[in-house]
Structure formats: C-alpha cells, structure tokens
Amino acid sequence: MYTVDNKTYPCCTSVTMRFIGGKWKAVILFHLIDGVKRYNELRKLIPTITERTLSLQLKQLEEDNIIDRKVFTEKPPLMVEYALTDFGKTLLPVLNEITKWGEGAVENSKKIIRN
C-alpha cells in the first residue's frame, strides 16, 4: 500500500496512474515531449479539450512537479509556457511505450479508424 496526498493506493501502477491517468494528462505530456509549449499552442494541438479542463490538468501536473509553468510579464499580452521538469522527463520512456502501444492498436484493431 502507498499513500499520496492522504489517499491510499494498492500498488505502484495505481500511483503512476494517479499522476498521469485520465483522458488528458498523458496527451498533454506527449505534446511537451519535444519541448516548451505555450498555453495557446497546447489548445491548438488538443482541439477537443476544453479550456477549463486544460487549465485544471496543467495545474495538477504543475502541483505534482511533472511540468513547470513559466510566466512572462515583461510585455503584454501575458505569456505562459509549459515544459517538462526533470522529474517529468523520467516519464518519457513510459509515454513513448504508451504511444508505441497505441500505434500497434491502431494497426491491429478493426474498430479504430485513423482520420
């Protein structure tokens, strides 16, 4: 048993899913693999996510020290950038394997249609 933020998890897999689980976190992290992205870039890369959901997921990832949020206030308009932290970069092998598995699922499934 493991406890994170006063919540108990039965195994390390469930701890991992606490950090990257859900519909959007892994997708956000996937888009940050190749470097820093501004908020609006992420919105364009993930057009089906709502602004509220993106903001909440980014905040959770930041609180978990998986991403870093940098605010530039030197000149209007305000600019915010997101990047993987060193801790977040430790997820790269996991994210790459999830992506590889998904590519195989697309090729092998008759239910998945590539658009």
PDB file of N, CA and C in Angstrom:
ATOM      1  N   MET A   1       0.841  -1.176   0.000  1.00  0.00           N
ATOM      2  CA  MET A   1       0.000   0.000   0.000  1.00  0.00           C
ATOM      3  C   MET A   1       0.891   1.247   0.000  1.00  0.00           C
ATOM      4  N   TYR A   2       0.414   2.256  -0.699  1.00  0.00           N
ATOM      5  CA  TYR A   2       1.142   3.513  -0.813  1.00  0.00           C
ATOM      6  C   TYR A   2       0.169   4.663  -0.571  1.00  0.00           C
ATOM      7  N   THR A   3       0.661   5.731   0.036  1.00  0.00           N
ATOM      8  CA  THR A   3      -0.186   6.886   0.298  1.00  0.00           C
ATOM      9  C   THR A   3       0.416   8.117  -0.363  1.00  0.00           C
ATOM     10  N   VAL A   4      -0.406   8.810  -1.146  1.00  0.00           N
ATOM     11  CA  VAL A   4      -0.024  10.059  -1.792  1.00  0.00           C
ATOM     12  C   VAL A   4      -1.133  11.060  -1.494  1.00  0.00           C
ATOM     13  N   ASP A   5      -0.763  12.198  -0.936  1.00  0.00           N
ATOM     14  CA  ASP A   5      -1.747  13.236  -0.598  1.00  0.00           C
ATOM     15  C   ASP A   5      -2.917  12.671   0.198  1.00  0.00           C
ATOM     16  N   ASN A   6      -2.597  11.860   1.183  1.00  0.00           N
ATOM     17  CA  ASN A   6      -3.585  11.258   2.096  1.00  0.00           C
ATOM     18  C   ASN A   6      -4.542  10.288   1.419  1.00  0.00           C
ATOM     19  N   LYS A   7      -4.229   9.837   0.215  1.00  0.00           N
ATOM     20  CA  LYS A   7      -5.047   8.829  -0.454  1.00  0.00           C
ATOM     21  C   LYS A   7      -4.193   7.576  -0.614  1.00  0.00           C
ATOM     22  N   THR A   8      -4.787   6.427  -0.311  1.00  0.00           N
ATOM     23  CA  THR A   8      -4.059   5.170  -0.341  1.00  0.00           C
ATOM     24  C   THR A   8      -4.253   4.467  -1.677  1.00  0.00           C
ATOM     25  N   TYR A   9      -3.151   3.921  -2.193  1.00  0.00           N
ATOM     26  CA  TYR A   9      -3.157   3.208  -3.469  1.00  0.00           C
ATOM     27  C   TYR A   9      -2.635   1.794  -3.233  1.00  0.00           C
ATOM     28  N   PRO A  10      -3.218   0.796  -3.898  1.00  0.00           N
ATOM     29  CA  PRO A  10      -2.845  -0.591  -3.633  1.00  0.00           C
ATOM     30  C   PRO A  10      -1.519  -1.035  -4.246  1.00  0.00           C
ATOM     31  N   CYS A  11      -1.035  -0.313  -5.284  1.00  0.00           N
ATOM     32  CA  CYS A  11       0.198  -0.738  -5.946  1.00  0.00           C
ATOM     33  C   CYS A  11       0.847   0.453  -6.656  1.00  0.00           C
ATOM     34  N   CYS A  12       2.071   0.238  -7.122  1.00  0.00           N
ATOM     35  CA  CYS A  12       2.796   1.314  -7.810  1.00  0.00           C
ATOM     36  C   CYS A  12       2.134   1.711  -9.126  1.00  0.00           C
ATOM     37  N   THR A  13       1.476   0.779  -9.789  1.00  0.00           N
ATOM     38  CA  THR A  13       0.770   1.115 -11.030  1.00  0.00           C
ATOM     39  C   THR A  13      -0.317   2.140 -10.757  1.00  0.00           C
ATOM     40  N   SER A  14      -1.053   1.956  -9.672  1.00  0.00           N
ATOM     41  CA  SER A  14      -2.105   2.920  -9.347  1.00  0.00           C
ATOM     42  C   SER A  14      -1.519   4.267  -8.939  1.00  0.00           C
ATOM     43  N   VAL A  15      -0.320   4.266  -8.349  1.00  0.00           N
ATOM     44  CA  VAL A  15       0.357   5.528  -8.027  1.00  0.00           C
ATOM     45  C   VAL A  15       0.717   6.248  -9.334  1.00  0.00           C
ATOM     46  N   THR A  16       1.267   5.513 -10.293  1.00  0.00           N
ATOM     47  CA  THR A  16       1.604   6.098 -11.591  1.00  0.00           C
ATOM     48  C   THR A  16       0.365   6.679 -12.253  1.00  0.00           C
ATOM     49  N   MET A  17      -0.724   5.947 -12.245  1.00  0.00           N
ATOM     50  CA  MET A  17      -1.953   6.421 -12.881  1.00  0.00           C
ATOM     51  C   MET A  17      -2.525   7.626 -12.152  1.00  0.00           C
ATOM     52  N   ARG A  18      -2.250   7.763 -10.869  1.00  0.00           N
ATOM     53  CA  ARG A  18      -2.677   8.953 -10.123  1.00  0.00           C
ATOM     54  C   ARG A  18      -2.029  10.198 -10.724  1.00  0.00           C
ATOM     55  N   PHE A  19      -0.786  10.054 -11.184  1.00  0.00           N
ATOM     56  CA  PHE A  19      -0.061  11.186 -11.748  1.00  0.00           C
ATOM     57  C   PHE A  19      -0.379  11.442 -13.220  1.00  0.00           C
ATOM     58  N   ILE A  20      -0.557  10.390 -14.026  1.00  0.00           N
ATOM     59  CA  ILE A  20      -0.725  10.592 -15.468  1.00  0.00           C
ATOM     60  C   ILE A  20      -2.028  10.033 -16.018  1.00  0.00           C
ATOM     61  N   GLY A  21      -2.890   9.509 -15.162  1.00  0.00           N
ATOM     62  CA  GLY A  21      -4.123   8.894 -15.612  1.00  0.00           C
ATOM     63  C   GLY A  21      -5.161   9.914 -16.055  1.00  0.00           C
ATOM     64  N   GLY A  22      -6.242   9.394 -16.558  1.00  0.00           N
ATOM     65  CA  GLY A  22      -7.312  10.249 -17.053  1.00  0.00           C
ATOM     66  C   GLY A  22      -7.187  10.435 -18.550  1.00  0.00           C
ATOM     67  N   LYS A  23      -8.110  11.161 -19.089  1.00  0.00           N
ATOM     68  CA  LYS A  23      -8.203  11.317 -20.540  1.00  0.00           C
ATOM     69  C   LYS A  23      -7.135  12.234 -21.115  1.00  0.00           C
ATOM     70  N   TRP A  24      -6.660  13.235 -20.356  1.00  0.00           N
ATOM     71  CA  TRP A  24      -5.860  14.288 -20.967  1.00  0.00           C
ATOM     72  C   TRP A  24      -4.413  14.411 -20.527  1.00  0.00           C
ATOM     73  N   LYS A  25      -4.059  13.965 -19.328  1.00  0.00           N
ATOM     74  CA  LYS A  25      -2.709  14.221 -18.829  1.00  0.00           C
ATOM     75  C   LYS A  25      -1.633  13.636 -19.735  1.00  0.00           C
ATOM     76  N   ALA A  26      -1.779  12.384 -20.131  1.00  0.00           N
ATOM     77  CA  ALA A  26      -0.771  11.771 -21.000  1.00  0.00           C
ATOM     78  C   ALA A  26      -0.709  12.477 -22.349  1.00  0.00           C
ATOM     79  N   VAL A  27      -1.844  12.950 -22.833  1.00  0.00           N
ATOM     80  CA  VAL A  27      -1.876  13.678 -24.111  1.00  0.00           C
ATOM     81  C   VAL A  27      -1.108  14.989 -23.984  1.00  0.00           C
ATOM     82  N   ILE A  28      -1.335  15.702 -22.907  1.00  0.00           N
ATOM     83  CA  ILE A  28      -0.611  16.956 -22.658  1.00  0.00           C
ATOM     84  C   ILE A  28       0.889  16.682 -22.574  1.00  0.00           C
ATOM     85  N   LEU A  29       1.258  15.665 -21.819  1.00  0.00           N
ATOM     86  CA  LEU A  29       2.670  15.332 -21.668  1.00  0.00           C
ATOM     87  C   LEU A  29       3.291  14.918 -22.998  1.00  0.00           C
ATOM     88  N   PHE A  30       2.536  14.182 -23.811  1.00  0.00           N
ATOM     89  CA  PHE A  30       3.016  13.790 -25.136  1.00  0.00           C
ATOM     90  C   PHE A  30       3.399  15.022 -25.960  1.00  0.00           C
ATOM     91  N   HIS A  31       2.585  16.054 -25.887  1.00  0.00           N
ATOM     92  CA  HIS A  31       2.860  17.270 -26.657  1.00  0.00           C
ATOM     93  C   HIS A  31       4.011  18.094 -26.082  1.00  0.00           C
ATOM     94  N   LEU A  32       4.385  17.818 -24.847  1.00  0.00           N
ATOM     95  CA  LEU A  32       5.516  18.523 -24.246  1.00  0.00           C
ATOM     96  C   LEU A  32       6.840  17.767 -24.401  1.00  0.00           C
ATOM     97  N   ILE A  33       6.777  16.566 -24.979  1.00  0.00           N
ATOM     98  CA  ILE A  33       7.987  15.757 -25.145  1.00  0.00           C
ATOM     99  C   ILE A  33       9.046  16.504 -25.940  1.00  0.00           C
ATOM    100  N   ASP A  34       8.627  17.161 -27.016  1.00  0.00           N
ATOM    101  CA  ASP A  34       9.614  17.798 -27.891  1.00  0.00           C
ATOM    102  C   ASP A  34       9.952  19.229 -27.490  1.00  0.00           C
ATOM    103  N   GLY A  35       9.498  19.662 -26.322  1.00  0.00           N
ATOM    104  CA  GLY A  35       9.922  20.968 -25.826  1.00  0.00           C
ATOM    105  C   GLY A  35       8.809  21.839 -25.291  1.00  0.00           C
ATOM    106  N   VAL A  36       9.183  23.056 -24.975  1.00  0.00           N
ATOM    107  CA  VAL A  36       8.312  24.051 -24.354  1.00  0.00           C
ATOM    108  C   VAL A  36       7.143  24.385 -25.279  1.00  0.00           C
ATOM    109  N   LYS A  37       5.964  24.521 -24.675  1.00  0.00           N
ATOM    110  CA  LYS A  37       4.768  24.938 -25.418  1.00  0.00           C
ATOM    111  C   LYS A  37       4.051  26.027 -24.637  1.00  0.00           C
ATOM    112  N   ARG A  38       3.497  26.984 -25.373  1.00  0.00           N
ATOM    113  CA  ARG A  38       2.647  27.994 -24.760  1.00  0.00           C
ATOM    114  C   ARG A  38       1.249  27.400 -24.597  1.00  0.00           C
ATOM    115  N   TYR A  39       0.476  28.016 -23.720  1.00  0.00           N
ATOM    116  CA  TYR A  39      -0.885  27.559 -23.455  1.00  0.00           C
ATOM    117  C   TYR A  39      -1.688  27.456 -24.752  1.00  0.00           C
ATOM    118  N   ASN A  40      -1.642  28.504 -25.570  1.00  0.00           N
ATOM    119  CA  ASN A  40      -2.420  28.505 -26.817  1.00  0.00           C
ATOM    120  C   ASN A  40      -1.950  27.447 -27.804  1.00  0.00           C
ATOM    121  N   GLU A  41      -0.668  27.129 -27.781  1.00  0.00           N
ATOM    122  CA  GLU A  41      -0.167  26.042 -28.634  1.00  0.00           C
ATOM    123  C   GLU A  41      -0.793  24.718 -28.215  1.00  0.00           C
ATOM    124  N   LEU A  42      -0.843  24.483 -26.905  1.00  0.00           N
ATOM    125  CA  LEU A  42      -1.465  23.259 -26.411  1.00  0.00           C
ATOM    126  C   LEU A  42      -2.937  23.198 -26.789  1.00  0.00           C
ATOM    127  N   ARG A  43      -3.627  24.324 -26.704  1.00  0.00           N
ATOM    128  CA  ARG A  43      -5.054  24.364 -27.099  1.00  0.00           C
ATOM    129  C   ARG A  43      -5.221  23.966 -28.561  1.00  0.00           C
ATOM    130  N   LYS A  44      -4.327  24.439 -29.426  1.00  0.00           N
ATOM    131  CA  LYS A  44      -4.413  24.106 -30.847  1.00  0.00           C
ATOM    132  C   LYS A  44      -4.048  22.647 -31.117  1.00  0.00           C
ATOM    133  N   LEU A  45      -3.099  22.130 -30.359  1.00  0.00           N
ATOM    134  CA  LEU A  45      -2.684  20.742 -30.535  1.00  0.00           C
ATOM    135  C   LEU A  45      -3.717  19.749 -30.018  1.00  0.00           C
ATOM    136  N   ILE A  46      -4.532  20.189 -29.062  1.00  0.00           N
ATOM    137  CA  ILE A  46      -5.560  19.329 -28.455  1.00  0.00           C
ATOM    138  C   ILE A  46      -6.905  20.035 -28.601  1.00  0.00           C
ATOM    139  N   PRO A  47      -7.441  20.131 -29.806  1.00  0.00           N
ATOM    140  CA  PRO A  47      -8.629  20.956 -30.034  1.00  0.00           C
ATOM    141  C   PRO A  47      -9.902  20.482 -29.333  1.00  0.00           C
ATOM    142  N   THR A  48      -9.961  19.217 -28.919  1.00  0.00           N
ATOM    143  CA  THR A  48     -11.191  18.725 -28.287  1.00  0.00           C
ATOM    144  C   THR A  48     -11.204  18.900 -26.771  1.00  0.00           C
ATOM    145  N   ILE A  49     -10.123  19.411 -26.200  1.00  0.00           N
ATOM    146  CA  ILE A  49     -10.101  19.664 -24.759  1.00  0.00           C
ATOM    147  C   ILE A  49     -10.689  21.053 -24.492  1.00  0.00           C
ATOM    148  N   THR A  50     -11.451  21.167 -23.419  1.00  0.00           N
ATOM    149  CA  THR A  50     -11.989  22.488 -23.070  1.00  0.00           C
ATOM    150  C   THR A  50     -10.906  23.308 -22.377  1.00  0.00           C
ATOM    151  N   GLU A  51     -11.052  24.615 -22.399  1.00  0.00           N
ATOM    152  CA  GLU A  51     -10.077  25.479 -21.735  1.00  0.00           C
ATOM    153  C   GLU A  51     -10.018  25.185 -20.242  1.00  0.00           C
ATOM    154  N   ARG A  52     -11.177  24.972 -19.652  1.00  0.00           N
ATOM    155  CA  ARG A  52     -11.235  24.690 -18.211  1.00  0.00           C
ATOM    156  C   ARG A  52     -10.487  23.406 -17.880  1.00  0.00           C
ATOM    157  N   THR A  53     -10.726  22.367 -18.668  1.00  0.00           N
ATOM    158  CA  THR A  53     -10.065  21.089 -18.424  1.00  0.00           C
ATOM    159  C   THR A  53      -8.562  21.210 -18.624  1.00  0.00           C
ATOM    160  N   LEU A  54      -8.139  21.883 -19.699  1.00  0.00           N
ATOM    161  CA  LEU A  54      -6.707  22.070 -19.933  1.00  0.00           C
ATOM    162  C   LEU A  54      -6.074  22.807 -18.759  1.00  0.00           C
ATOM    163  N   SER A  55      -6.695  23.867 -18.294  1.00  0.00           N
ATOM    164  CA  SER A  55      -6.165  24.625 -17.167  1.00  0.00           C
ATOM    165  C   SER A  55      -6.049  23.768 -15.914  1.00  0.00           C
ATOM    166  N   LEU A  56      -7.087  22.980 -15.629  1.00  0.00           N
ATOM    167  CA  LEU A  56      -7.069  22.118 -14.443  1.00  0.00           C
ATOM    168  C   LEU A  56      -5.991  21.046 -14.538  1.00  0.00           C
ATOM    169  N   GLN A  57      -5.878  20.427 -15.704  1.00  0.00           N
ATOM    170  CA  GLN A  57      -4.883  19.369 -15.872  1.00  0.00           C
ATOM    171  C   GLN A  57      -3.463  19.937 -15.782  1.00  0.00           C
ATOM    172  N   LEU A  58      -3.236  21.094 -16.392  1.00  0.00           N
ATOM    173  CA  LEU A  58      -1.926  21.736 -16.297  1.00  0.00           C
ATOM    174  C   LEU A  58      -1.592  22.081 -14.847  1.00  0.00           C
ATOM    175  N   LYS A  59      -2.577  22.579 -14.114  1.00  0.00           N
ATOM    176  CA  LYS A  59      -2.365  22.928 -12.712  1.00  0.00           C
ATOM    177  C   LYS A  59      -2.002  21.684 -11.891  1.00  0.00           C
ATOM    178  N   GLN A  60      -2.708  20.576 -12.128  1.00  0.00           N
ATOM    179  CA  GLN A  60      -2.413  19.338 -11.400  1.00  0.00           C
ATOM    180  C   GLN A  60      -1.010  18.825 -11.733  1.00  0.00           C
ATOM    181  N   LEU A  61      -0.656  18.861 -13.023  1.00  0.00           N
ATOM    182  CA  LEU A  61       0.679  18.409 -13.425  1.00  0.00           C
ATOM    183  C   LEU A  61       1.769  19.292 -12.821  1.00  0.00           C
ATOM    184  N   GLU A  62       1.490  20.581 -12.715  1.00  0.00           N
ATOM    185  CA  GLU A  62       2.446  21.503 -12.095  1.00  0.00           C
ATOM    186  C   GLU A  62       2.565  21.218 -10.596  1.00  0.00           C
ATOM    187  N   GLU A  63       1.439  21.021  -9.928  1.00  0.00           N
ATOM    188  CA  GLU A  63       1.454  20.722  -8.493  1.00  0.00           C
ATOM    189  C   GLU A  63       2.205  19.429  -8.191  1.00  0.00           C
ATOM    190  N   ASP A  64       2.168  18.494  -9.134  1.00  0.00           N
ATOM    191  CA  ASP A  64       2.860  17.214  -8.966  1.00  0.00           C
ATOM    192  C   ASP A  64       4.312  17.273  -9.431  1.00  0.00           C
ATOM    193  N   ASN A  65       4.793  18.458  -9.799  1.00  0.00           N
ATOM    194  CA  ASN A  65       6.168  18.682 -10.242  1.00  0.00           C
ATOM    195  C   ASN A  65       6.522  17.900 -11.510  1.00  0.00           C
ATOM    196  N   ILE A  66       5.530  17.659 -12.347  1.00  0.00           N
ATOM    197  CA  ILE A  66       5.768  16.970 -13.607  1.00  0.00           C
ATOM    198  C   ILE A  66       6.024  17.985 -14.722  1.00  0.00           C
ATOM    199  N   ILE A  67       5.368  19.135 -14.626  1.00  0.00           N
ATOM    200  CA  ILE A  67       5.637  20.210 -15.580  1.00  0.00           C
ATOM    201  C   ILE A  67       5.976  21.480 -14.821  1.00  0.00           C
ATOM    202  N   ASP A  68       6.639  22.369 -15.528  1.00  0.00           N
ATOM    203  CA  ASP A  68       6.997  23.673 -14.981  1.00  0.00           C
ATOM    204  C   ASP A  68       6.216  24.727 -15.748  1.00  0.00           C
ATOM    205  N   ARG A  69       5.702  25.702 -15.036  1.00  0.00           N
ATOM    206  CA  ARG A  69       4.943  26.809 -15.628  1.00  0.00           C
ATOM    207  C   ARG A  69       5.770  28.072 -15.471  1.00  0.00           C
ATOM    208  N   LYS A  70       6.031  28.720 -16.593  1.00  0.00           N
ATOM    209  CA  LYS A  70       6.809  29.951 -16.558  1.00  0.00           C
ATOM    210  C   LYS A  70       5.958  31.076 -17.134  1.00  0.00           C
ATOM    211  N   VAL A  71       5.813  32.154 -16.360  1.00  0.00           N
ATOM    212  CA  VAL A  71       5.003  33.299 -16.758  1.00  0.00           C
ATOM    213  C   VAL A  71       5.920  34.444 -17.160  1.00  0.00           C
ATOM    214  N   PHE A  72       5.657  35.012 -18.322  1.00  0.00           N
ATOM    215  CA  PHE A  72       6.414  36.164 -18.801  1.00  0.00           C
ATOM    216  C   PHE A  72       5.513  37.386 -18.720  1.00  0.00           C
ATOM    217  N   THR A  73       5.914  38.349 -17.915  1.00  0.00           N
ATOM    218  CA  THR A  73       5.086  39.545 -17.711  1.00  0.00           C
ATOM    219  C   THR A  73       5.746  40.807 -18.248  1.00  0.00           C
ATOM    220  N   GLU A  74       6.878  40.649 -18.941  1.00  0.00           N
ATOM    221  CA  GLU A  74       7.622  41.824 -19.398  1.00  0.00           C
ATOM    222  C   GLU A  74       6.815  42.725 -20.323  1.00  0.00           C
ATOM    223  N   LYS A  75       6.063  42.105 -21.209  1.00  0.00           N
ATOM    224  CA  LYS A  75       5.286  42.923 -22.134  1.00  0.00           C
ATOM    225  C   LYS A  75       3.931  42.260 -22.368  1.00  0.00           C
ATOM    226  N   PRO A  76       2.904  43.059 -22.498  1.00  0.00           N
ATOM    227  CA  PRO A  76       1.588  42.491 -22.782  1.00  0.00           C
ATOM    228  C   PRO A  76       1.572  41.924 -24.196  1.00  0.00           C
ATOM    229  N   PRO A  77       0.778  40.937 -24.480  1.00  0.00           N
ATOM    230  CA  PRO A  77      -0.048  40.206 -23.517  1.00  0.00           C
ATOM    231  C   PRO A  77       0.794  39.223 -22.700  1.00  0.00           C
ATOM    232  N   LEU A  78       0.262  38.843 -21.564  1.00  0.00           N
ATOM    233  CA  LEU A  78       0.899  37.887 -20.677  1.00  0.00           C
ATOM    234  C   LEU A  78       1.152  36.591 -21.444  1.00  0.00           C
ATOM    235  N   MET A  79       2.326  36.015 -21.281  1.00  0.00           N
ATOM    236  CA  MET A  79       2.634  34.761 -21.960  1.00  0.00           C
ATOM    237  C   MET A  79       3.002  33.712 -20.923  1.00  0.00           C
ATOM    238  N   VAL A  80       2.464  32.496 -21.074  1.00  0.00           N
ATOM    239  CA  VAL A  80       2.736  31.397 -20.162  1.00  0.00           C
ATOM    240  C   VAL A  80       3.270  30.226 -20.981  1.00  0.00           C
ATOM    241  N   GLU A  81       4.367  29.645 -20.510  1.00  0.00           N
ATOM    242  CA  GLU A  81       4.954  28.486 -21.176  1.00  0.00           C
ATOM    243  C   GLU A  81       4.991  27.306 -20.218  1.00  0.00           C
ATOM    244  N   TYR A  82       4.876  26.122 -20.790  1.00  0.00           N
ATOM    245  CA  TYR A  82       4.919  24.886 -20.016  1.00  0.00           C
ATOM    246  C   TYR A  82       6.004  23.987 -20.571  1.00  0.00           C
ATOM    247  N   ALA A  83       6.696  23.294 -19.669  1.00  0.00           N
ATOM    248  CA  ALA A  83       7.747  22.368 -20.062  1.00  0.00           C
ATOM    249  C   ALA A  83       7.819  21.246 -19.033  1.00  0.00           C
ATOM    250  N   LEU A  84       8.345  20.117 -19.454  1.00  0.00           N
ATOM    251  CA  LEU A  84       8.557  19.018 -18.528  1.00  0.00           C
ATOM    252  C   LEU A  84       9.663  19.378 -17.545  1.00  0.00           C
ATOM    253  N   THR A  85       9.479  19.039 -16.294  1.00  0.00           N
ATOM    254  CA  THR A  85      10.539  19.169 -15.302  1.00  0.00           C
ATOM    255  C   THR A  85      11.479  17.969 -15.460  1.00  0.00           C
ATOM    256  N   ASP A  86      12.570  17.969 -14.719  1.00  0.00           N
ATOM    257  CA  ASP A  86      13.452  16.793 -14.739  1.00  0.00           C
ATOM    258  C   ASP A  86      12.685  15.556 -14.278  1.00  0.00           C
ATOM    259  N   PHE A  87      11.861  15.717 -13.256  1.00  0.00           N
ATOM    260  CA  PHE A  87      11.026  14.606 -12.785  1.00  0.00           C
ATOM    261  C   PHE A  87      10.052  14.185 -13.888  1.00  0.00           C
ATOM    262  N   GLY A  88       9.447  15.145 -14.570  1.00  0.00           N
ATOM    263  CA  GLY A  88       8.536  14.839 -15.661  1.00  0.00           C
ATOM    264  C   GLY A  88       9.219  14.106 -16.796  1.00  0.00           C
ATOM    265  N   LYS A  89      10.470  14.431 -17.045  1.00  0.00           N
ATOM    266  CA  LYS A  89      11.219  13.764 -18.118  1.00  0.00           C
ATOM    267  C   LYS A  89      11.450  12.288 -17.827  1.00  0.00           C
ATOM    268  N   THR A  90      11.370  11.898 -16.558  1.00  0.00           N
ATOM    269  CA  THR A  90      11.508  10.475 -16.230  1.00  0.00           C
ATOM    270  C   THR A  90      10.331   9.676 -16.773  1.00  0.00           C
ATOM    271  N   LEU A  91       9.246  10.357 -17.156  1.00  0.00           N
ATOM    272  CA  LEU A  91       8.084   9.689 -17.754  1.00  0.00           C
ATOM    273  C   LEU A  91       8.257   9.426 -19.252  1.00  0.00           C
ATOM    274  N   LEU A  92       9.296   9.963 -19.876  1.00  0.00           N
ATOM    275  CA  LEU A  92       9.471   9.813 -21.322  1.00  0.00           C
ATOM    276  C   LEU A  92       9.451   8.357 -21.787  1.00  0.00           C
ATOM    277  N   PRO A  93      10.165   7.440 -21.141  1.00  0.00           N
ATOM    278  CA  PRO A  93      10.077   6.042 -21.592  1.00  0.00           C
ATOM    279  C   PRO A  93       8.657   5.480 -21.503  1.00  0.00           C
ATOM    280  N   VAL A  94       7.937   5.850 -20.455  1.00  0.00           N
ATOM    281  CA  VAL A  94       6.556   5.392 -20.284  1.00  0.00           C
ATOM    282  C   VAL A  94       5.673   5.960 -21.395  1.00  0.00           C
ATOM    283  N   LEU A  95       5.786   7.260 -21.646  1.00  0.00           N
ATOM    284  CA  LEU A  95       4.979   7.900 -22.688  1.00  0.00           C
ATOM    285  C   LEU A  95       5.305   7.341 -24.070  1.00  0.00           C
ATOM    286  N   ASN A  96       6.585   7.082 -24.333  1.00  0.00           N
ATOM    287  CA  ASN A  96       6.971   6.504 -25.617  1.00  0.00           C
ATOM    288  C   ASN A  96       6.382   5.108 -25.797  1.00  0.00           C
ATOM    289  N   GLU A  97       6.372   4.311 -24.739  1.00  0.00           N
ATOM    290  CA  GLU A  97       5.783   2.968 -24.821  1.00  0.00           C
ATOM    291  C   GLU A  97       4.271   3.028 -24.983  1.00  0.00           C
ATOM    292  N   ILE A  98       3.615   3.972 -24.308  1.00  0.00           N
ATOM    293  CA  ILE A  98       2.163   4.143 -24.485  1.00  0.00           C
ATOM    294  C   ILE A  98       1.864   4.514 -25.935  1.00  0.00           C
ATOM    295  N   THR A  99       2.676   5.404 -26.500  1.00  0.00           N
ATOM    296  CA  THR A  99       2.491   5.811 -27.895  1.00  0.00           C
ATOM    297  C   THR A  99       2.710   4.634 -28.825  1.00  0.00           C
ATOM    298  N   LYS A 100       3.766   3.867 -28.599  1.00  0.00           N
ATOM    299  CA  LYS A 100       4.064   2.702 -29.433  1.00  0.00           C
ATOM    300  C   LYS A 100       2.917   1.685 -29.354  1.00  0.00           C
ATOM    301  N   TRP A 101       2.398   1.464 -28.155  1.00  0.00           N
ATOM    302  CA  TRP A 101       1.287   0.528 -27.994  1.00  0.00           C
ATOM    303  C   TRP A 101       0.063   1.030 -28.757  1.00  0.00           C
ATOM    304  N   GLY A 102      -0.209   2.335 -28.654  1.00  0.00           N
ATOM    305  CA  GLY A 102      -1.346   2.916 -29.362  1.00  0.00           C
ATOM    306  C   GLY A 102      -1.219   2.775 -30.866  1.00  0.00           C
ATOM    307  N   GLU A 103      -0.007   2.963 -31.397  1.00  0.00           N
ATOM    308  CA  GLU A 103       0.210   2.790 -32.831  1.00  0.00           C
ATOM    309  C   GLU A 103      -0.089   1.353 -33.249  1.00  0.00           C
ATOM    310  N   GLY A 104       0.341   0.389 -32.421  1.00  0.00           N
ATOM    311  CA  GLY A 104       0.042  -1.016 -32.701  1.00  0.00           C
ATOM    312  C   GLY A 104      -1.444  -1.304 -32.620  1.00  0.00           C
ATOM    313  N   ALA A 105      -2.114  -0.694 -31.661  1.00  0.00           N
ATOM    314  CA  ALA A 105      -3.564  -0.889 -31.529  1.00  0.00           C
ATOM    315  C   ALA A 105      -4.293  -0.370 -32.751  1.00  0.00           C
ATOM    316  N   VAL A 106      -3.849   0.767 -33.277  1.00  0.00           N
ATOM    317  CA  VAL A 106      -4.458   1.332 -34.486  1.00  0.00           C
ATOM    318  C   VAL A 106      -4.289   0.365 -35.655  1.00  0.00           C
ATOM    319  N   GLU A 107      -3.105  -0.204 -35.791  1.00  0.00           N
ATOM    320  CA  GLU A 107      -2.833  -1.119 -36.906  1.00  0.00           C
ATOM    321  C   GLU A 107      -3.595  -2.438 -36.775  1.00  0.00           C
ATOM    322  N   ASN A 108      -3.800  -2.896 -35.552  1.00  0.00           N
ATOM    323  CA  ASN A 108      -4.385  -4.227 -35.335  1.00  0.00           C
ATOM    324  C   ASN A 108      -5.884  -4.238 -35.075  1.00  0.00           C
ATOM    325  N   SER A 109      -6.468  -3.108 -34.828  1.00  0.00           N
ATOM    326  CA  SER A 109      -7.891  -3.065 -34.477  1.00  0.00           C
ATOM    327  C   SER A 109      -8.744  -2.724 -35.675  1.00  0.00           C
ATOM    328  N   LYS A 110      -9.817  -3.450 -35.818  1.00  0.00           N
ATOM    329  CA  LYS A 110     -10.781  -3.139 -36.876  1.00  0.00           C
ATOM    330  C   LYS A 110     -11.770  -2.067 -36.417  1.00  0.00           C
ATOM    331  N   LYS A 111     -11.726  -1.726 -35.141  1.00  0.00           N
ATOM    332  CA  LYS A 111     -12.644  -0.738 -34.582  1.00  0.00           C
ATOM    333  C   LYS A 111     -12.107   0.674 -34.662  1.00  0.00           C
ATOM    334  N   ILE A 112     -10.778   0.828 -34.792  1.00  0.00           N
ATOM    335  CA  ILE A 112     -10.159   2.145 -34.772  1.00  0.00           C
ATOM    336  C   ILE A 112      -9.984   2.644 -36.206  1.00  0.00           C
ATOM    337  N   ILE A 113     -10.439   3.850 -36.442  1.00  0.00           N
ATOM    338  CA  ILE A 113     -10.312   4.466 -37.763  1.00  0.00           C
ATOM    339  C   ILE A 113      -9.342   5.631 -37.652  1.00  0.00           C
ATOM    340  N   ARG A 114      -8.299   5.601 -38.466  1.00  0.00           N
ATOM    341  CA  ARG A 114      -7.331   6.686 -38.475  1.00  0.00           C
ATOM    342  C   ARG A 114      -7.885   7.822 -39.343  1.00  0.00           C
ATOM    343  N   ASN A 115      -7.987   9.032 -38.777  1.00  0.00           N
ATOM    344  CA  ASN A 115      -8.513  10.184 -39.502  1.00  0.00           C
ATOM    345  C   ASN A 115      -7.413  11.005 -40.122  1.00  0.00           C
TER     346      ASN A 115
END
